[in-house]
Amino acid sequence: MKTALVTGASTGIGAEFARQLAAQKTNLVLVARSEDKLQELAAQLESEQGIQTYVIAQDLTAPQAGATIYQKIEHQGLNIDLLVNNAGFGDYGTFSDRPLEKQMSMIQLNVNVLVELTGLFLPAMKRRGEGAIINISSIAGFQPIPRMSVYAATKAFVLNFTEALWVENKDTGVKILAVCPGPTESEFFKAAEFPASLMDKNNSSMKLTSNTVVVADALKALESKQSNIVTGGFVNQIIVNLPRFLPRDLLLKQIAKIF
């Protein structure tokens, strides 16, 4: 039975990855800060699907968090067949007006830990000639977003980094995929401290994609060996392709109006 490591597994897309992978009879290593939520999910999946779960309560914004997780997994004698780098968060507001500490934590979580875990687990996958890595980017990674400058930049990094790894590993037996969702059913807007007026606007004008659809589409794309997938339907396809056709300054001004 294969084993998957999922970060940010306590809620949202991460928890849904855990559910769908468990349904495929994949053992799980579940990582997040909230141990109570992880233990509850782990118990549920073990009971319903008959799999083994391992819970690691870890603050991924801490230095060397990836190495700590890796050492714990090595101690258990586990091989990771699928790594899902899902943990991340955003922040809303003009960069100069937002807490710098929060921006640095965002880079640590959205970028540094993702690269660290990928660097720790990918070599063993290559040696075995099999394995897979899913990195969660966003449609925000296709263009700069004023008032979400750091978040969009981190997701652009994830997209470019992942696509480069996809090419590097095409002949190694390791599958690499960048998943780029639009707005989803999650606590993202609340955690990012969006103003109530903008939240209302988003809720009325942006269709939220269910986590179930995002994960199902991602796992299907992984099997077909795609480099990336944009989930959420036709509207999101338009959003990610607009930068190809509009002058950069015009595009940025239009995005600024939305946010």
C-alpha atoms as a PDB file:
ATOM      1  CA  MET A   1       0.000   0.000   0.000  1.00  0.00           C
ATOM      2  CA  LYS A   2       1.374   3.417  -0.959  1.00  0.00           C
ATOM      3  CA  THR A   3       1.838   6.345   1.407  1.00  0.00           C
ATOM      4  CA  ALA A   4       1.064  10.027   0.779  1.00  0.00           C
ATOM      5  CA  LEU A   5       2.231  13.037   2.786  1.00  0.00           C
ATOM      6  CA  VAL A   6      -0.254  15.932   2.808  1.00  0.00           C
ATOM      7  CA  THR A   7       0.566  19.303   4.344  1.00  0.00           C
ATOM      8  CA  GLY A   8      -2.188  21.619   5.509  1.00  0.00           C
ATOM      9  CA  ALA A   9      -4.289  18.493   5.928  1.00  0.00           C
ATOM     10  CA  SER A  10      -6.605  19.640   8.715  1.00  0.00           C
ATOM     11  CA  THR A  11      -9.029  21.642   6.552  1.00  0.00           C
ATOM     12  CA  GLY A  12      -9.965  22.640   3.017  1.00  0.00           C
ATOM     13  CA  ILE A  13      -8.167  21.200   0.005  1.00  0.00           C
ATOM     14  CA  GLY A  14      -5.672  19.337   2.192  1.00  0.00           C
ATOM     15  CA  ALA A  15      -8.374  17.471   4.102  1.00  0.00           C
ATOM     16  CA  GLU A  16     -10.100  16.629   0.834  1.00  0.00           C
ATOM     17  CA  PHE A  17      -6.858  15.228  -0.600  1.00  0.00           C
ATOM     18  CA  ALA A  18      -6.664  13.036   2.506  1.00  0.00           C
ATOM     19  CA  ARG A  19     -10.237  11.787   2.008  1.00  0.00           C
ATOM     20  CA  GLN A  20      -9.881  10.990  -1.687  1.00  0.00           C
ATOM     21  CA  LEU A  21      -6.482   9.356  -1.288  1.00  0.00           C
ATOM     22  CA  ALA A  22      -7.774   7.278   1.622  1.00  0.00           C
ATOM     23  CA  ALA A  23     -10.644   6.129  -0.597  1.00  0.00           C
ATOM     24  CA  GLN A  24      -7.961   4.891  -3.004  1.00  0.00           C
ATOM     25  CA  LYS A  25      -6.465   2.880  -0.120  1.00  0.00           C
ATOM     26  CA  THR A  26      -3.421   5.105   0.297  1.00  0.00           C
ATOM     27  CA  ASN A  27      -1.839   5.358   3.737  1.00  0.00           C
ATOM     28  CA  LEU A  28      -1.435   8.929   4.925  1.00  0.00           C
ATOM     29  CA  VAL A  29       0.953  11.203   6.782  1.00  0.00           C
ATOM     30  CA  LEU A  30      -1.130  14.220   7.789  1.00  0.00           C
ATOM     31  CA  VAL A  31       0.656  17.470   8.647  1.00  0.00           C
ATOM     32  CA  ALA A  32      -0.757  20.725  10.054  1.00  0.00           C
ATOM     33  CA  ARG A  33      -0.603  22.837  13.207  1.00  0.00           C
ATOM     34  CA  SER A  34      -3.932  21.651  14.627  1.00  0.00           C
ATOM     35  CA  GLU A  35      -3.316  18.242  16.195  1.00  0.00           C
ATOM     36  CA  ASP A  36      -6.923  17.822  17.358  1.00  0.00           C
ATOM     37  CA  LYS A  37      -8.326  18.261  13.840  1.00  0.00           C
ATOM     38  CA  LEU A  38      -5.680  15.945  12.384  1.00  0.00           C
ATOM     39  CA  GLN A  39      -6.373  13.217  14.944  1.00  0.00           C
ATOM     40  CA  GLU A  40     -10.105  13.465  14.293  1.00  0.00           C
ATOM     41  CA  LEU A  41      -9.625  13.178  10.530  1.00  0.00           C
ATOM     42  CA  ALA A  42      -7.101  10.363  10.916  1.00  0.00           C
ATOM     43  CA  ALA A  43      -9.442   8.320  13.135  1.00  0.00           C
ATOM     44  CA  GLN A  44     -12.303   8.814  10.703  1.00  0.00           C
ATOM     45  CA  LEU A  45     -10.290   7.707   7.664  1.00  0.00           C
ATOM     46  CA  GLU A  46      -8.801   4.697   9.439  1.00  0.00           C
ATOM     47  CA  SER A  47     -12.274   3.566  10.486  1.00  0.00           C
ATOM     48  CA  GLU A  48     -13.951   4.155   7.129  1.00  0.00           C
ATOM     49  CA  GLN A  49     -11.180   3.106   4.732  1.00  0.00           C
ATOM     50  CA  GLY A  50      -9.022   0.676   6.708  1.00  0.00           C
ATOM     51  CA  ILE A  51      -5.804   2.592   6.071  1.00  0.00           C
ATOM     52  CA  GLN A  52      -2.933   3.597   8.337  1.00  0.00           C
ATOM     53  CA  THR A  53      -2.455   7.235   9.257  1.00  0.00           C
ATOM     54  CA  TYR A  54       0.381   9.132  10.896  1.00  0.00           C
ATOM     55  CA  VAL A  55      -0.204  12.574  12.389  1.00  0.00           C
ATOM     56  CA  ILE A  56       2.528  15.213  12.614  1.00  0.00           C
ATOM     57  CA  ALA A  57       1.484  18.431  14.360  1.00  0.00           C
ATOM     58  CA  GLN A  58       3.958  20.975  13.051  1.00  0.00           C
ATOM     59  CA  ASP A  59       4.014  24.722  12.526  1.00  0.00           C
ATOM     60  CA  LEU A  60       5.372  24.914   8.993  1.00  0.00           C
ATOM     61  CA  THR A  61       6.312  28.579   9.367  1.00  0.00           C
ATOM     62  CA  ALA A  62       9.021  27.550  11.836  1.00  0.00           C
ATOM     63  CA  PRO A  63      12.636  27.351  10.587  1.00  0.00           C
ATOM     64  CA  GLN A  64      13.682  23.878   9.426  1.00  0.00           C
ATOM     65  CA  ALA A  65      10.082  22.650   9.616  1.00  0.00           C
ATOM     66  CA  GLY A  66      10.569  20.496   6.525  1.00  0.00           C
ATOM     67  CA  ALA A  67      13.649  18.813   7.980  1.00  0.00           C
ATOM     68  CA  THR A  68      11.770  18.103  11.213  1.00  0.00           C
ATOM     69  CA  ILE A  69       8.973  16.380   9.287  1.00  0.00           C
ATOM     70  CA  TYR A  70      11.460  14.425   7.187  1.00  0.00           C
ATOM     71  CA  GLN A  71      13.291  13.158  10.277  1.00  0.00           C
ATOM     72  CA  LYS A  72      10.047  12.002  11.894  1.00  0.00           C
ATOM     73  CA  ILE A  73       9.057  10.107   8.753  1.00  0.00           C
ATOM     74  CA  GLU A  74      12.520   8.542   8.504  1.00  0.00           C
ATOM     75  CA  HIS A  75      12.182   7.454  12.148  1.00  0.00           C
ATOM     76  CA  GLN A  76       8.923   5.680  11.242  1.00  0.00           C
ATOM     77  CA  GLY A  77      10.674   3.919   8.341  1.00  0.00           C
ATOM     78  CA  LEU A  78       8.171   5.219   5.799  1.00  0.00           C
ATOM     79  CA  ASN A  79       8.626   5.750   2.076  1.00  0.00           C
ATOM     80  CA  ILE A  80       6.630   8.676   0.704  1.00  0.00           C
ATOM     81  CA  ASP A  81       5.141   7.804  -2.682  1.00  0.00           C
ATOM     82  CA  LEU A  82       3.124  11.021  -3.086  1.00  0.00           C
ATOM     83  CA  LEU A  83       3.973  14.420  -1.624  1.00  0.00           C
ATOM     84  CA  VAL A  84       1.157  16.995  -1.609  1.00  0.00           C
ATOM     85  CA  ASN A  85       2.513  20.444  -0.775  1.00  0.00           C
ATOM     86  CA  ASN A  86      -0.807  22.088   0.012  1.00  0.00           C
ATOM     87  CA  ALA A  87      -0.198  24.291   3.081  1.00  0.00           C
ATOM     88  CA  GLY A  88      -0.327  28.022   2.445  1.00  0.00           C
ATOM     89  CA  PHE A  89      -2.118  31.275   3.208  1.00  0.00           C
ATOM     90  CA  GLY A  90      -2.705  34.752   1.778  1.00  0.00           C
ATOM     91  CA  ASP A  91      -2.990  38.306   3.026  1.00  0.00           C
ATOM     92  CA  TYR A  92      -4.965  41.305   1.802  1.00  0.00           C
ATOM     93  CA  GLY A  93      -3.801  44.918   1.772  1.00  0.00           C
ATOM     94  CA  THR A  94      -1.188  47.319   0.464  1.00  0.00           C
ATOM     95  CA  PHE A  95       2.221  45.757   1.102  1.00  0.00           C
ATOM     96  CA  SER A  96       3.611  48.745   3.024  1.00  0.00           C
ATOM     97  CA  ASP A  97       0.569  48.758   5.325  1.00  0.00           C
ATOM     98  CA  ARG A  98       0.595  45.084   6.226  1.00  0.00           C
ATOM     99  CA  PRO A  99       2.718  43.417   8.949  1.00  0.00           C
ATOM    100  CA  LEU A 100       6.078  42.482   7.449  1.00  0.00           C
ATOM    101  CA  GLU A 101       6.316  39.478   9.778  1.00  0.00           C
ATOM    102  CA  LYS A 102       3.166  38.046   8.220  1.00  0.00           C
ATOM    103  CA  GLN A 103       4.569  38.508   4.712  1.00  0.00           C
ATOM    104  CA  MET A 104       7.784  36.709   5.666  1.00  0.00           C
ATOM    105  CA  SER A 105       5.803  33.867   7.254  1.00  0.00           C
ATOM    106  CA  MET A 106       3.821  33.588   4.034  1.00  0.00           C
ATOM    107  CA  ILE A 107       7.007  33.200   2.011  1.00  0.00           C
ATOM    108  CA  GLN A 108       8.267  30.613   4.498  1.00  0.00           C
ATOM    109  CA  LEU A 109       5.082  28.563   4.234  1.00  0.00           C
ATOM    110  CA  ASN A 110       4.114  29.037   0.583  1.00  0.00           C
ATOM    111  CA  VAL A 111       7.645  28.772  -0.833  1.00  0.00           C
ATOM    112  CA  ASN A 112      10.450  27.749   1.522  1.00  0.00           C
ATOM    113  CA  VAL A 113       8.830  24.698   3.105  1.00  0.00           C
ATOM    114  CA  LEU A 114       7.476  23.560  -0.257  1.00  0.00           C
ATOM    115  CA  VAL A 115      10.970  23.683  -1.774  1.00  0.00           C
ATOM    116  CA  GLU A 116      12.495  22.065   1.312  1.00  0.00           C
ATOM    117  CA  LEU A 117      10.093  19.123   1.387  1.00  0.00           C
ATOM    118  CA  THR A 118      10.407  18.662  -2.367  1.00  0.00           C
ATOM    119  CA  GLY A 119      14.186  18.647  -2.081  1.00  0.00           C
ATOM    120  CA  LEU A 120      14.096  16.117   0.758  1.00  0.00           C
ATOM    121  CA  PHE A 121      11.697  13.589  -0.794  1.00  0.00           C
ATOM    122  CA  LEU A 122      12.324  13.883  -4.543  1.00  0.00           C
ATOM    123  CA  PRO A 123      15.789  12.224  -4.616  1.00  0.00           C
ATOM    124  CA  ALA A 124      14.457   9.005  -3.069  1.00  0.00           C
ATOM    125  CA  MET A 125      11.586   8.947  -5.568  1.00  0.00           C
ATOM    126  CA  LYS A 126      14.070   9.282  -8.430  1.00  0.00           C
ATOM    127  CA  ARG A 127      16.189   6.436  -7.037  1.00  0.00           C
ATOM    128  CA  ARG A 128      13.106   4.197  -6.863  1.00  0.00           C
ATOM    129  CA  GLY A 129      12.038   5.275 -10.339  1.00  0.00           C
ATOM    130  CA  GLU A 130       8.526   6.161  -9.167  1.00  0.00           C
ATOM    131  CA  GLY A 131       6.619   8.663  -7.101  1.00  0.00           C
ATOM    132  CA  ALA A 132       4.710  11.912  -7.466  1.00  0.00           C
ATOM    133  CA  ILE A 133       4.643  15.472  -6.176  1.00  0.00           C
ATOM    134  CA  ILE A 134       1.638  17.804  -6.267  1.00  0.00           C
ATOM    135  CA  ASN A 135       2.289  21.460  -5.493  1.00  0.00           C
ATOM    136  CA  ILE A 136      -0.693  23.730  -4.913  1.00  0.00           C
ATOM    137  CA  SER A 137      -0.287  27.005  -6.774  1.00  0.00           C
ATOM    138  CA  SER A 138      -3.217  29.267  -7.739  1.00  0.00           C
ATOM    139  CA  ILE A 139      -4.681  31.178 -10.644  1.00  0.00           C
ATOM    140  CA  ALA A 140      -3.116  34.115  -8.768  1.00  0.00           C
ATOM    141  CA  GLY A 141       0.253  32.806  -9.932  1.00  0.00           C
ATOM    142  CA  PHE A 142      -0.374  33.829 -13.535  1.00  0.00           C
ATOM    143  CA  GLN A 143      -0.242  37.595 -12.927  1.00  0.00           C
ATOM    144  CA  PRO A 144       0.679  40.152 -10.245  1.00  0.00           C
ATOM    145  CA  ILE A 145      -2.165  41.117  -7.910  1.00  0.00           C
ATOM    146  CA  PRO A 146      -2.063  44.537  -6.231  1.00  0.00           C
ATOM    147  CA  ARG A 147      -3.001  44.275  -2.530  1.00  0.00           C
ATOM    148  CA  MET A 148      -2.056  40.595  -2.632  1.00  0.00           C
ATOM    149  CA  SER A 149       1.449  41.183  -3.922  1.00  0.00           C
ATOM    150  CA  VAL A 150       3.374  38.649  -1.857  1.00  0.00           C
ATOM    151  CA  TYR A 151       0.743  35.927  -2.146  1.00  0.00           C
ATOM    152  CA  ALA A 152       0.565  36.167  -5.949  1.00  0.00           C
ATOM    153  CA  ALA A 153       4.359  36.228  -6.157  1.00  0.00           C
ATOM    154  CA  THR A 154       4.665  33.074  -4.039  1.00  0.00           C
ATOM    155  CA  LYS A 155       2.156  31.265  -6.217  1.00  0.00           C
ATOM    156  CA  ALA A 156       3.995  32.359  -9.379  1.00  0.00           C
ATOM    157  CA  PHE A 157       7.135  30.846  -7.839  1.00  0.00           C
ATOM    158  CA  VAL A 158       5.328  27.592  -7.100  1.00  0.00           C
ATOM    159  CA  LEU A 159       3.972  27.373 -10.652  1.00  0.00           C
ATOM    160  CA  ASN A 160       7.316  28.064 -12.339  1.00  0.00           C
ATOM    161  CA  PHE A 161       9.289  25.862  -9.950  1.00  0.00           C
ATOM    162  CA  THR A 162       6.900  22.952 -10.412  1.00  0.00           C
ATOM    163  CA  GLU A 163       6.771  23.166 -14.193  1.00  0.00           C
ATOM    164  CA  ALA A 164      10.583  23.192 -14.327  1.00  0.00           C
ATOM    165  CA  LEU A 165      10.687  20.060 -12.149  1.00  0.00           C
ATOM    166  CA  TRP A 166       8.100  18.441 -14.433  1.00  0.00           C
ATOM    167  CA  VAL A 167      10.507  18.775 -17.359  1.00  0.00           C
ATOM    168  CA  GLU A 168      13.527  17.671 -15.330  1.00  0.00           C
ATOM    169  CA  ASN A 169      11.752  14.501 -14.210  1.00  0.00           C
ATOM    170  CA  LYS A 170       9.865  13.468 -17.349  1.00  0.00           C
ATOM    171  CA  ASP A 171      12.100  10.430 -17.815  1.00  0.00           C
ATOM    172  CA  THR A 172      12.675   9.524 -14.160  1.00  0.00           C
ATOM    173  CA  GLY A 173       9.334   7.873 -13.409  1.00  0.00           C
ATOM    174  CA  VAL A 174       8.383  10.699 -11.023  1.00  0.00           C
ATOM    175  CA  LYS A 175       5.231  12.670 -11.857  1.00  0.00           C
ATOM    176  CA  ILE A 176       5.137  16.376 -10.965  1.00  0.00           C
ATOM    177  CA  LEU A 177       2.016  18.574 -11.066  1.00  0.00           C
ATOM    178  CA  ALA A 178       1.133  22.187 -10.272  1.00  0.00           C
ATOM    179  CA  VAL A 179      -2.520  22.635  -9.294  1.00  0.00           C
ATOM    180  CA  CYS A 180      -3.940  26.138  -9.853  1.00  0.00           C
ATOM    181  CA  PRO A 181      -7.368  26.582  -8.261  1.00  0.00           C
ATOM    182  CA  GLY A 182      -9.407  29.741  -8.248  1.00  0.00           C
ATOM    183  CA  PRO A 183     -11.527  30.700  -5.223  1.00  0.00           C
ATOM    184  CA  THR A 184     -12.515  27.568  -3.300  1.00  0.00           C
ATOM    185  CA  GLU A 185     -14.681  26.596  -0.362  1.00  0.00           C
ATOM    186  CA  SER A 186     -12.242  27.427   2.417  1.00  0.00           C
ATOM    187  CA  GLU A 187     -11.292  29.890   5.143  1.00  0.00           C
ATOM    188  CA  PHE A 188      -8.881  31.643   2.773  1.00  0.00           C
ATOM    189  CA  PHE A 189     -10.623  35.023   2.643  1.00  0.00           C
ATOM    190  CA  LYS A 190     -11.079  35.116   6.403  1.00  0.00           C
ATOM    191  CA  ALA A 191      -7.462  34.190   7.097  1.00  0.00           C
ATOM    192  CA  ALA A 192      -6.288  36.774   4.544  1.00  0.00           C
ATOM    193  CA  GLU A 193      -8.349  39.439   6.351  1.00  0.00           C
ATOM    194  CA  PHE A 194     -10.319  40.550   3.322  1.00  0.00           C
ATOM    195  CA  PRO A 195     -12.642  43.498   4.091  1.00  0.00           C
ATOM    196  CA  ALA A 196     -16.307  42.566   4.455  1.00  0.00           C
ATOM    197  CA  SER A 197     -17.306  44.624   1.419  1.00  0.00           C
ATOM    198  CA  LEU A 198     -14.901  42.763  -0.849  1.00  0.00           C
ATOM    199  CA  MET A 199     -15.882  39.427   0.622  1.00  0.00           C
ATOM    200  CA  ASP A 200     -19.520  40.178  -0.205  1.00  0.00           C
ATOM    201  CA  LYS A 201     -18.537  41.148  -3.732  1.00  0.00           C
ATOM    202  CA  ASN A 202     -16.518  37.982  -4.192  1.00  0.00           C
ATOM    203  CA  ASN A 203     -19.282  35.795  -2.804  1.00  0.00           C
ATOM    204  CA  SER A 204     -21.788  37.239  -5.262  1.00  0.00           C
ATOM    205  CA  SER A 205     -19.623  37.478  -8.364  1.00  0.00           C
ATOM    206  CA  MET A 206     -17.061  34.676  -8.066  1.00  0.00           C
ATOM    207  CA  LYS A 207     -18.103  31.079  -8.213  1.00  0.00           C
ATOM    208  CA  LEU A 208     -16.425  29.069  -5.471  1.00  0.00           C
ATOM    209  CA  THR A 209     -15.134  25.704  -6.644  1.00  0.00           C
ATOM    210  CA  SER A 210     -15.729  22.804  -4.286  1.00  0.00           C
ATOM    211  CA  ASN A 211     -12.655  21.162  -2.787  1.00  0.00           C
ATOM    212  CA  THR A 212     -14.002  17.833  -4.029  1.00  0.00           C
ATOM    213  CA  VAL A 213     -13.782  18.996  -7.641  1.00  0.00           C
ATOM    214  CA  VAL A 214     -10.334  20.555  -7.206  1.00  0.00           C
ATOM    215  CA  VAL A 215      -8.835  17.369  -5.772  1.00  0.00           C
ATOM    216  CA  ALA A 216     -10.573  15.016  -8.210  1.00  0.00           C
ATOM    217  CA  ASP A 217      -9.337  17.105 -11.149  1.00  0.00           C
ATOM    218  CA  ALA A 218      -5.827  17.232  -9.671  1.00  0.00           C
ATOM    219  CA  LEU A 219      -5.555  13.472  -9.211  1.00  0.00           C
ATOM    220  CA  LYS A 220      -6.850  12.898 -12.731  1.00  0.00           C
ATOM    221  CA  ALA A 221      -4.312  15.362 -14.161  1.00  0.00           C
ATOM    222  CA  LEU A 222      -1.520  13.668 -12.216  1.00  0.00           C
ATOM    223  CA  GLU A 223      -2.352  10.324 -13.788  1.00  0.00           C
ATOM    224  CA  SER A 224      -2.315  11.886 -17.260  1.00  0.00           C
ATOM    225  CA  LYS A 225       1.150  13.346 -16.520  1.00  0.00           C
ATOM    226  CA  GLN A 226       0.211  16.992 -17.091  1.00  0.00           C
ATOM    227  CA  SER A 227       2.554  19.737 -15.869  1.00  0.00           C
ATOM    228  CA  ASN A 228      -0.282  21.859 -14.474  1.00  0.00           C
ATOM    229  CA  ILE A 229      -4.032  22.074 -14.222  1.00  0.00           C
ATOM    230  CA  VAL A 230      -6.274  25.108 -13.763  1.00  0.00           C
ATOM    231  CA  THR A 231      -9.401  24.038 -11.893  1.00  0.00           C
ATOM    232  CA  GLY A 232     -12.717  25.842 -11.603  1.00  0.00           C
ATOM    233  CA  GLY A 233     -14.098  25.930 -15.122  1.00  0.00           C
ATOM    234  CA  PHE A 234     -14.080  28.302 -18.067  1.00  0.00           C
ATOM    235  CA  VAL A 235     -13.930  31.579 -16.124  1.00  0.00           C
ATOM    236  CA  ASN A 236     -10.634  30.613 -14.512  1.00  0.00           C
ATOM    237  CA  GLN A 237      -9.255  29.628 -17.914  1.00  0.00           C
ATOM    238  CA  ILE A 238     -10.011  33.146 -19.142  1.00  0.00           C
ATOM    239  CA  ILE A 239      -8.335  34.697 -16.095  1.00  0.00           C
ATOM    240  CA  VAL A 240      -5.070  32.795 -16.504  1.00  0.00           C
ATOM    241  CA  ASN A 241      -4.889  33.489 -20.239  1.00  0.00           C
ATOM    242  CA  LEU A 242      -5.639  37.233 -20.139  1.00  0.00           C
ATOM    243  CA  PRO A 243      -1.988  38.175 -19.456  1.00  0.00           C
ATOM    244  CA  ARG A 244      -1.078  36.737 -22.858  1.00  0.00           C
ATOM    245  CA  PHE A 245      -3.238  39.279 -24.693  1.00  0.00           C
ATOM    246  CA  LEU A 246      -3.351  42.497 -22.635  1.00  0.00           C
ATOM    247  CA  PRO A 247      -0.556  45.063 -22.138  1.00  0.00           C
ATOM    248  CA  ARG A 248       0.930  44.626 -18.663  1.00  0.00           C
ATOM    249  CA  ASP A 249       0.064  48.105 -17.394  1.00  0.00           C
ATOM    250  CA  LEU A 250      -3.547  47.799 -18.524  1.00  0.00           C
ATOM    251  CA  LEU A 251      -3.853  44.346 -16.988  1.00  0.00           C
ATOM    252  CA  LEU A 252      -2.522  45.553 -13.631  1.00  0.00           C
ATOM    253  CA  LYS A 253      -4.903  48.509 -13.544  1.00  0.00           C
ATOM    254  CA  GLN A 254      -7.884  46.238 -14.201  1.00  0.00           C
ATOM    255  CA  ILE A 255      -6.794  43.759 -11.524  1.00  0.00           C
ATOM    256  CA  ALA A 256      -6.323  46.625  -9.065  1.00  0.00           C
ATOM    257  CA  LYS A 257      -9.959  47.672  -9.601  1.00  0.00           C
ATOM    258  CA  ILE A 258     -11.164  44.162  -8.789  1.00  0.00           C
ATOM    259  CA  PHE A 259      -9.195  44.025  -5.541  1.00  0.00           C
END
